[in-house]
Amino acid sequence: MSAQDTSASLVQQRFNDVTARLHRAVADSKREPHSVKLLAVSKMQTPQQVAELYALGQRAFGENYLQQALEKQQALSSLDIEWHFIGPIQSNKTRDIAHRFAWVHSVDREKVAKRLSDQRPNDMPPLQLCIQVNVSGEESKSGVTAEALPALAASIAELPRVQLRGLMALPAPTSDSAAQHQPFKKLRALMAQLNEQLPSITLDTLSMGMSGDMEAAIDEGATIVRVGTALFGPRPATA
């Protein structure tokens, strides 16, 4: 078997393993089939690696770094990929994000949301947004506090070229199953509260769970799980 064949076989095996985990977690949680979307986190990966996963049926890919993402989008422009931006957002990067992505998961400031709305082209569908919530209270993590969330959600809901879909969290990693559940349970409760407080919108998206804790996230209601390492293997070391 050639090195190329071995690589393709490994990609297929990882994809099969992740989708099997996802389907098993959905079944164990007694949720509807296809109620959870797999977002392949392709940061630090090559266009070829993205194309290999695309060939297996994966369509949604998440990127953290804008310049890398734009280069991949150009290289893969012939593929109908649904691009999600999931990294921290600098104000001077919002125009490219508004023009080149279908979803943004990491909004935590009204200023950024307004810029995305103002810069979204009129001939494109509304940009789908999630608010990132700092559910673990870590000072080093991005995300709005639970206390500030209702006001931010209400302001974003009024913007014309974006659609607020739900919440995203990136909790502190832990291998303890019970500890994994707590931040996801909190995010689910926060979305339920927002749906009660803001009757003008209906939030339906919980972007939570990664390679190491997707089962706990799905059990707590995740609708999008963001998986990188389990699909692509360890990320290449940065210089």
Protein backbone atom coordinates (compact mmCIF):
# COMPACT_ATOMS: atom_id res chain seq x y z
CA MET A 1 0.00 0.00 0.00
CA SER A 2 1.38 3.41 -0.96
CA ALA A 3 1.82 6.26 1.52
CA GLN A 4 -1.09 8.07 -0.16
CA ASP A 5 -3.34 5.03 0.23
CA THR A 6 -2.30 4.67 3.88
CA SER A 7 -3.13 8.34 4.53
CA ALA A 8 -6.54 8.01 2.84
CA SER A 9 -7.27 4.88 4.88
CA LEU A 10 -6.40 6.70 8.12
CA VAL A 11 -8.66 9.64 7.21
CA GLN A 12 -11.50 7.22 6.48
CA GLN A 13 -10.97 5.38 9.77
CA ARG A 14 -10.93 8.56 11.85
CA PHE A 15 -14.04 9.87 10.12
CA ASN A 16 -15.81 6.57 10.66
CA ASP A 17 -14.78 6.51 14.34
CA VAL A 18 -15.98 10.07 14.99
CA THR A 19 -19.30 9.64 13.21
CA ALA A 20 -19.87 6.35 15.04
CA ARG A 21 -19.20 8.09 18.37
CA LEU A 22 -21.59 10.88 17.42
CA HIS A 23 -24.40 8.53 16.36
CA ARG A 24 -23.93 6.37 19.46
CA ALA A 25 -24.05 9.41 21.76
CA VAL A 26 -27.22 10.66 20.05
CA ALA A 27 -28.86 7.25 20.46
CA ASP A 28 -27.73 6.92 24.10
CA SER A 29 -29.21 10.35 24.82
CA LYS A 30 -32.50 9.31 23.19
CA ARG A 31 -32.33 12.19 20.75
CA GLU A 32 -33.51 12.32 17.17
CA PRO A 33 -31.11 11.01 14.50
CA HIS A 34 -29.36 13.85 12.64
CA SER A 35 -30.06 16.26 15.52
CA VAL A 36 -26.33 16.91 15.98
CA LYS A 37 -24.11 18.39 13.26
CA LEU A 38 -20.43 17.53 13.00
CA LEU A 39 -18.20 20.57 12.45
CA ALA A 40 -14.70 19.54 11.37
CA VAL A 41 -12.20 21.93 12.93
CA SER A 42 -9.62 22.33 10.19
CA LYS A 43 -7.34 24.99 11.69
CA MET A 44 -3.64 24.27 10.99
CA GLN A 45 -4.65 21.63 8.44
CA THR A 46 -3.89 21.76 4.71
CA PRO A 47 -6.40 22.22 1.88
CA GLN A 48 -5.63 18.64 0.83
CA GLN A 49 -6.65 17.33 4.25
CA VAL A 50 -9.89 19.29 4.06
CA ALA A 51 -10.53 17.94 0.55
CA GLU A 52 -9.95 14.36 1.75
CA LEU A 53 -12.58 14.76 4.47
CA TYR A 54 -14.92 16.49 2.04
CA ALA A 55 -14.65 13.48 -0.27
CA LEU A 56 -16.02 11.32 2.56
CA GLY A 57 -19.13 13.49 2.85
CA GLN A 58 -18.12 16.13 5.41
CA ARG A 59 -19.39 19.58 4.40
CA ALA A 60 -19.03 21.91 7.43
CA PHE A 61 -15.54 23.07 8.40
CA GLY A 62 -14.51 25.43 11.20
CA GLU A 63 -11.55 27.80 11.13
CA ASN A 64 -9.93 29.84 13.93
CA TYR A 65 -7.41 31.89 11.97
CA LEU A 66 -8.72 34.18 9.25
CA GLN A 67 -5.71 34.34 6.93
CA GLN A 68 -5.33 30.55 6.92
CA ALA A 69 -9.05 30.21 6.26
CA LEU A 70 -9.02 32.63 3.33
CA GLU A 71 -6.16 30.73 1.70
CA LYS A 72 -8.02 27.43 2.10
CA GLN A 73 -11.22 28.92 0.76
CA GLN A 74 -9.41 30.09 -2.36
CA ALA A 75 -7.72 26.72 -2.86
CA LEU A 76 -11.02 24.86 -2.37
CA SER A 77 -13.36 27.32 -4.10
CA SER A 78 -14.81 24.61 -6.35
CA LEU A 79 -16.20 22.70 -3.34
CA ASP A 80 -19.54 23.59 -1.72
CA ILE A 81 -18.07 23.83 1.79
CA GLU A 82 -20.03 25.50 4.58
CA TRP A 83 -17.39 27.58 6.36
CA HIS A 84 -17.73 28.42 10.06
CA PHE A 85 -15.53 30.95 11.86
CA ILE A 86 -14.92 29.79 15.44
CA GLY A 87 -11.94 31.86 16.63
CA PRO A 88 -11.52 35.21 18.40
CA ILE A 89 -12.65 38.11 16.23
CA GLN A 90 -10.67 41.31 15.81
CA SER A 91 -12.65 44.32 14.64
CA ASN A 92 -10.41 44.85 11.62
CA LYS A 93 -11.14 41.31 10.40
CA THR A 94 -14.94 41.49 10.38
CA ARG A 95 -15.33 42.44 6.70
CA ASP A 96 -13.67 39.27 5.41
CA ILE A 97 -15.57 37.16 7.93
CA ALA A 98 -18.87 38.76 6.93
CA HIS A 99 -18.14 38.10 3.23
CA ARG A 100 -16.65 34.61 3.40
CA PHE A 101 -18.41 32.59 6.09
CA ALA A 102 -21.86 31.12 6.62
CA TRP A 103 -21.60 30.90 10.42
CA VAL A 104 -19.72 32.68 13.21
CA HIS A 105 -19.62 30.98 16.61
CA SER A 106 -17.44 33.37 18.59
CA VAL A 107 -19.29 36.68 18.91
CA ASP A 108 -18.97 38.19 22.39
CA ARG A 109 -19.24 41.95 21.76
CA GLU A 110 -22.00 44.13 20.36
CA LYS A 111 -19.46 46.13 18.34
CA VAL A 112 -18.30 43.02 16.49
CA ALA A 113 -21.86 41.83 15.83
CA LYS A 114 -22.83 45.23 14.43
CA ARG A 115 -19.82 45.31 12.13
CA LEU A 116 -20.64 41.82 10.86
CA SER A 117 -24.21 42.92 10.16
CA ASP A 118 -23.18 46.16 8.46
CA GLN A 119 -20.60 44.37 6.29
CA ARG A 120 -22.66 41.32 5.29
CA PRO A 121 -23.44 41.64 1.55
CA ASN A 122 -27.11 42.14 0.77
CA ASP A 123 -27.08 39.39 -1.84
CA MET A 124 -26.00 36.76 0.71
CA PRO A 125 -28.20 35.02 3.28
CA PRO A 126 -28.06 36.44 6.81
CA LEU A 127 -24.88 35.47 8.65
CA GLN A 128 -25.70 32.84 11.27
CA LEU A 129 -24.34 33.82 14.70
CA CYS A 130 -23.70 32.18 18.04
CA ILE A 131 -22.72 34.12 21.14
CA GLN A 132 -19.67 32.75 22.92
CA VAL A 133 -20.28 32.44 26.66
CA ASN A 134 -17.50 32.09 29.22
CA VAL A 135 -19.19 29.33 31.22
CA SER A 136 -16.06 28.37 33.18
CA GLY A 137 -15.28 31.89 34.43
CA GLU A 138 -11.69 31.70 33.18
CA GLU A 139 -10.15 35.15 32.82
CA SER A 140 -8.00 33.95 29.91
CA LYS A 141 -11.00 32.76 27.89
CA SER A 142 -13.05 34.82 25.47
CA GLY A 143 -16.78 34.99 25.91
CA VAL A 144 -19.47 37.10 27.50
CA THR A 145 -20.46 36.49 31.10
CA ALA A 146 -23.80 34.87 31.89
CA GLU A 147 -24.89 38.15 33.51
CA ALA A 148 -24.16 40.22 30.40
CA LEU A 149 -25.62 37.67 27.98
CA PRO A 150 -29.29 38.81 27.88
CA ALA A 151 -28.45 42.39 26.94
CA LEU A 152 -26.02 41.29 24.24
CA ALA A 153 -28.49 38.79 22.80
CA ALA A 154 -31.25 41.40 22.71
CA SER A 155 -29.03 43.87 20.84
CA ILE A 156 -27.86 41.28 18.29
CA ALA A 157 -31.42 40.13 17.66
CA GLU A 158 -32.21 43.61 16.31
CA LEU A 159 -29.46 43.62 13.68
CA PRO A 160 -30.68 43.23 10.08
CA ARG A 161 -28.06 41.14 8.23
CA VAL A 162 -27.32 38.53 10.87
CA GLN A 163 -29.45 35.86 12.52
CA LEU A 164 -28.81 34.96 16.14
CA ARG A 165 -29.03 31.16 16.35
CA GLY A 166 -27.69 30.20 19.75
CA LEU A 167 -24.76 29.92 22.11
CA MET A 168 -21.22 28.55 22.02
CA ALA A 169 -18.88 27.55 24.83
CA LEU A 170 -15.29 26.44 25.15
CA PRO A 171 -15.09 25.15 28.74
CA ALA A 172 -11.93 24.21 30.57
CA PRO A 173 -10.85 20.70 29.50
CA THR A 174 -11.29 17.84 31.93
CA SER A 175 -11.40 14.06 31.65
CA ASP A 176 -13.93 13.77 34.48
CA SER A 177 -17.32 12.94 32.98
CA ALA A 178 -19.39 14.65 35.68
CA ALA A 179 -17.27 17.79 35.42
CA GLN A 180 -17.66 17.76 31.63
CA HIS A 181 -21.44 17.89 31.94
CA GLN A 182 -21.65 20.97 34.19
CA PRO A 183 -20.70 23.78 31.74
CA PHE A 184 -22.80 22.20 28.99
CA LYS A 185 -25.77 21.97 31.32
CA LYS A 186 -25.26 25.64 32.19
CA LEU A 187 -25.15 26.69 28.54
CA ARG A 188 -28.34 24.78 27.80
CA ALA A 189 -30.07 26.51 30.72
CA LEU A 190 -28.87 29.92 29.54
CA MET A 191 -30.34 29.33 26.08
CA ALA A 192 -33.65 28.24 27.59
CA GLN A 193 -33.73 31.42 29.69
CA LEU A 194 -33.04 33.58 26.63
CA ASN A 195 -35.87 31.93 24.72
CA GLU A 196 -38.21 32.83 27.59
CA GLN A 197 -36.90 36.38 27.96
CA LEU A 198 -36.74 37.22 24.23
CA PRO A 199 -39.96 35.99 22.61
CA SER A 200 -39.06 37.74 19.34
CA ILE A 201 -36.36 35.13 18.61
CA THR A 202 -36.07 31.36 18.88
CA LEU A 203 -32.58 30.10 19.60
CA ASP A 204 -32.00 26.52 18.47
CA THR A 205 -28.22 26.03 18.42
CA LEU A 206 -25.79 24.91 21.11
CA SER A 207 -22.24 24.79 19.73
CA MET A 208 -20.40 22.79 22.37
CA GLY A 209 -18.29 19.68 22.70
CA MET A 210 -15.01 18.70 21.11
CA SER A 211 -12.94 15.55 20.57
CA GLY A 212 -12.59 14.74 24.26
CA ASP A 213 -16.05 15.61 25.57
CA MET A 214 -18.52 15.36 22.69
CA GLU A 215 -20.55 12.63 24.40
CA ALA A 216 -21.21 14.81 27.47
CA ALA A 217 -22.08 17.76 25.24
CA ILE A 218 -24.52 15.72 23.16
CA ASP A 219 -26.14 14.38 26.32
CA GLU A 220 -26.72 17.99 27.41
CA GLY A 221 -28.24 19.08 24.11
CA ALA A 222 -25.41 20.08 21.76
CA THR A 223 -26.58 20.62 18.20
CA ILE A 224 -23.08 21.27 16.79
CA VAL A 225 -19.93 19.53 18.01
CA ARG A 226 -16.58 20.98 16.95
CA VAL A 227 -14.12 18.14 16.36
CA GLY A 228 -10.53 18.56 15.19
CA THR A 229 -7.96 16.20 16.71
CA ALA A 230 -10.15 13.10 16.51
CA LEU A 231 -10.66 13.73 12.78
CA PHE A 232 -7.26 15.02 11.68
CA GLY A 233 -4.90 13.64 14.32
CA PRO A 234 -2.58 15.83 16.42
CA ARG A 235 -2.18 19.31 14.99
CA PRO A 236 1.20 20.25 13.54
CA ALA A 237 3.42 22.15 15.95
CA THR A 238 3.47 25.91 15.45
CA ALA A 239 6.78 27.62 14.78
